């Protein structure tokens, strides 16, 4: 995530935000940051998380955002 951030920012010189989308089962610990420390130098990069397994099927069906459909398929498979 950090590598993508600094490459995009370096090329475009514009504000950048990041979202990590996880499809892992609910309950699995997922980090929302990258940290590096070496000889007194520290870098921490914090990013946004979306955990698809935490959204209820009814809420995704009712949501008009196209990404809700993607999340629905990722969570529950293609509709029959």
Protein backbone atom coordinates (compact mmCIF):
# COMPACT_ATOMS: atom_id res chain seq x y z
CA UNK A 1 0.00 0.00 0.00
CA UNK A 2 2.76 2.44 0.89
CA UNK A 3 4.63 1.74 -2.34
CA UNK A 4 1.51 2.53 -4.39
CA UNK A 5 0.99 5.70 -2.37
CA UNK A 6 4.46 7.14 -2.83
CA UNK A 7 4.62 6.26 -6.53
CA UNK A 8 1.27 7.89 -7.29
CA UNK A 9 2.07 10.93 -5.15
CA UNK A 10 5.55 11.24 -6.68
CA UNK A 11 4.19 11.14 -10.21
CA UNK A 12 1.09 13.33 -9.81
CA UNK A 13 2.06 15.58 -6.85
CA UNK A 14 -1.56 15.54 -5.70
CA UNK A 15 -3.32 14.33 -2.53
CA UNK A 16 -3.80 10.56 -2.46
CA UNK A 17 -6.06 8.36 -0.38
CA UNK A 18 -6.02 4.58 -0.23
CA UNK A 19 -8.54 1.87 0.56
CA UNK A 20 -7.60 -1.77 1.13
CA UNK A 21 -10.50 -4.13 0.39
CA UNK A 22 -10.38 -7.47 2.19
CA UNK A 23 -12.50 -10.53 1.51
CA UNK A 24 -11.06 -12.60 4.35
CA UNK A 25 -13.46 -14.08 6.88
CA UNK A 26 -14.76 -11.78 9.60
CA UNK A 27 -12.72 -12.01 12.77
CA UNK A 28 -9.33 -12.29 11.12
CA UNK A 29 -7.01 -9.54 12.35
CA UNK A 30 -6.11 -7.15 9.54
CA UNK A 31 -3.61 -4.32 9.82
CA UNK A 32 -4.56 -0.83 8.69
CA UNK A 33 -1.02 0.53 8.58
CA UNK A 34 2.53 -0.02 7.42
CA UNK A 35 5.31 0.87 9.84
CA UNK A 36 9.06 0.84 9.30
CA UNK A 37 11.72 1.73 11.85
CA UNK A 38 15.49 1.77 11.38
CA UNK A 39 18.21 3.48 13.39
CA UNK A 40 16.02 6.27 14.74
CA UNK A 41 14.05 6.88 11.55
CA UNK A 42 10.37 5.94 11.64
CA UNK A 43 7.69 5.85 9.00
CA UNK A 44 4.03 4.99 9.59
CA UNK A 45 1.51 4.89 6.74
CA UNK A 46 -2.13 4.41 7.77
CA UNK A 47 -4.80 3.53 5.20
CA UNK A 48 -8.54 2.87 5.07
CA UNK A 49 -9.95 -0.66 5.33
CA UNK A 50 -13.10 -2.17 3.93
CA UNK A 51 -13.94 -5.67 5.15
CA UNK A 52 -16.50 -7.12 2.75
CA UNK A 53 -17.63 -9.83 5.14
CA UNK A 54 -18.96 -7.27 7.63
CA UNK A 55 -21.76 -5.96 5.39
CA UNK A 56 -25.22 -7.50 5.62
CA UNK A 57 -26.69 -8.99 2.46
CA UNK A 58 -29.94 -6.98 2.78
CA UNK A 59 -27.98 -3.71 3.06
CA UNK A 60 -25.93 -4.49 -0.03
CA UNK A 61 -29.03 -5.40 -2.07
CA UNK A 62 -30.73 -2.13 -1.06
CA UNK A 63 -27.67 0.00 -1.86
CA UNK A 64 -27.63 1.65 -5.31
CA UNK A 65 -23.84 2.05 -5.35
CA UNK A 66 -22.38 -0.28 -8.03
CA UNK A 67 -19.63 -1.32 -5.62
CA UNK A 68 -22.33 -2.76 -3.33
CA UNK A 69 -23.07 -5.29 -6.10
CA UNK A 70 -19.38 -6.23 -6.24
CA UNK A 71 -19.33 -6.64 -2.45
CA UNK A 72 -22.50 -8.73 -2.60
CA UNK A 73 -20.97 -11.09 -5.17
CA UNK A 74 -17.72 -11.30 -3.18
CA UNK A 75 -19.63 -12.12 0.02
CA UNK A 76 -22.36 -14.40 -1.26
CA UNK A 77 -21.57 -15.42 -4.86
CA UNK A 78 -23.48 -14.64 -8.02
CA UNK A 79 -27.27 -14.39 -7.67
CA UNK A 80 -29.20 -17.33 -9.10
